Protein backbone atom coordinates (compact mmCIF):
# COMPACT_ATOMS: atom_id res chain seq x y z
CA VAL A 1 -153.33 -114.78 32.48
CA ALA A 2 -155.33 -116.51 29.71
CA GLN A 3 -152.70 -119.19 29.43
CA MET A 4 -152.60 -119.89 33.17
CA HIS A 5 -154.27 -122.91 34.70
CA ASP A 6 -156.94 -122.25 37.41
CA GLU A 7 -154.76 -123.17 40.32
CA GLU A 8 -151.78 -121.16 39.02
CA LEU A 9 -153.88 -118.10 38.60
CA LEU A 10 -155.27 -118.53 42.11
CA GLU A 11 -151.77 -118.94 43.52
CA ALA A 12 -150.71 -115.74 41.72
CA ILE A 13 -153.60 -113.71 43.02
CA GLY A 14 -153.15 -115.19 46.47
CA LYS A 15 -149.42 -114.14 46.58
CA LYS A 16 -150.28 -110.64 45.30
CA ARG A 17 -153.15 -110.26 47.80
CA GLY A 18 -151.28 -111.73 50.77
CA ALA A 19 -153.34 -114.90 51.23
CA MET A 20 -150.52 -116.95 52.57
CA GLN A 21 -150.42 -119.69 55.14
CA GLY A 22 -147.57 -121.49 56.95
CA GLY A 23 -144.67 -122.72 54.86
CA GLY A 24 -145.02 -119.96 52.26
CA ARG A 25 -147.98 -121.64 50.63
CA VAL A 26 -150.87 -119.82 49.26
CA ASN A 27 -154.23 -120.37 51.08
CA LEU A 28 -156.42 -121.21 48.03
CA GLN A 29 -159.61 -121.07 50.11
CA LYS A 30 -158.85 -117.53 51.17
CA THR A 31 -157.82 -116.57 47.63
CA ALA A 32 -161.07 -117.91 46.23
CA GLU A 33 -163.05 -115.88 48.84
CA ILE A 34 -161.11 -112.73 47.78
CA VAL A 35 -161.94 -113.39 44.11
CA LEU A 36 -165.60 -114.02 44.88
CA THR A 37 -165.88 -110.87 47.02
CA ASP A 38 -164.12 -108.78 44.32
CA PHE A 39 -166.50 -110.33 41.67
CA ARG A 40 -169.59 -109.63 43.75
CA SER A 41 -168.63 -105.97 44.49
CA ALA A 42 -167.74 -105.31 40.82
CA ILE A 43 -164.10 -104.59 41.71
CA LEU A 44 -163.14 -106.88 38.80
CA GLY A 45 -165.31 -104.82 36.46
CA ARG A 46 -168.65 -105.57 34.69
CA ILE A 47 -168.49 -109.33 34.25
CA THR A 48 -171.30 -111.70 33.51
CA LEU A 49 -171.18 -115.42 33.86
CA GLU A 50 -173.67 -116.04 30.98
CA VAL A 51 -172.86 -116.05 27.38
CA PRO A 52 -175.08 -113.83 25.15
CA ALA A 53 -177.19 -116.72 23.99
CA GLU A 54 -177.86 -117.81 27.50
CA PHE A 55 -178.85 -114.26 28.48
CA GLU A 56 -181.25 -113.96 25.49
CA ALA A 57 -182.86 -117.28 26.43
CA TRP A 58 -183.20 -116.18 30.01
CA SER A 59 -184.60 -112.83 29.00
CA ALA A 60 -187.24 -114.49 26.69
CA VAL A 61 -188.38 -116.73 29.47
CA ALA A 62 -188.61 -113.75 31.86
CA ALA A 63 -190.69 -111.93 29.26
CA VAL A 64 -193.16 -114.77 28.89
CA GLN A 65 -193.44 -115.08 32.75
CA GLU A 66 -193.99 -111.33 33.07
CA ALA A 67 -196.67 -111.33 30.42
CA GLU A 68 -198.43 -114.31 32.13
CA ARG A 69 -198.29 -112.40 35.46
CA ALA A 70 -199.74 -109.35 33.93
CA ALA A 71 -202.44 -111.39 32.20
CA ARG A 72 -203.47 -112.93 35.59
CA LYS A 73 -203.50 -109.56 37.17
CA GLU A 74 -205.82 -108.21 34.56
CA ALA A 75 -208.16 -111.22 34.87
CA ARG A 76 -208.43 -110.55 38.55
CA LYS A 77 -209.26 -106.90 37.91
CA ALA A 78 -211.93 -107.93 35.35
CA LYS A 79 -213.58 -110.56 37.64
CA PRO A 80 -216.74 -109.03 39.15
CA GLN A 81 -216.50 -108.39 42.86
CA ARG A 82 -218.86 -110.26 45.19
CA SER A 83 -221.20 -108.05 47.06
CA GLN A 84 -220.27 -107.68 50.72
CA ARG A 85 -222.97 -108.27 53.28
């Protein structure tokens, strides 16, 4: 599988999963939809599209944003309430 080109891999998957069209050709659109559905529903296993470095960078940005959000929330709590008339 690792040595196969993208289109060859899709054709092999399409043949195995029955995504055929007229003339005995593989319907690559249908095959791609099958692969995406399998990916989204975790049938292919636990796969991530990010490499570890990308995930760490994303996680660091998320932590900073969460800290900023928490600080804004605390600032709103600390702000004196206006008296209601």
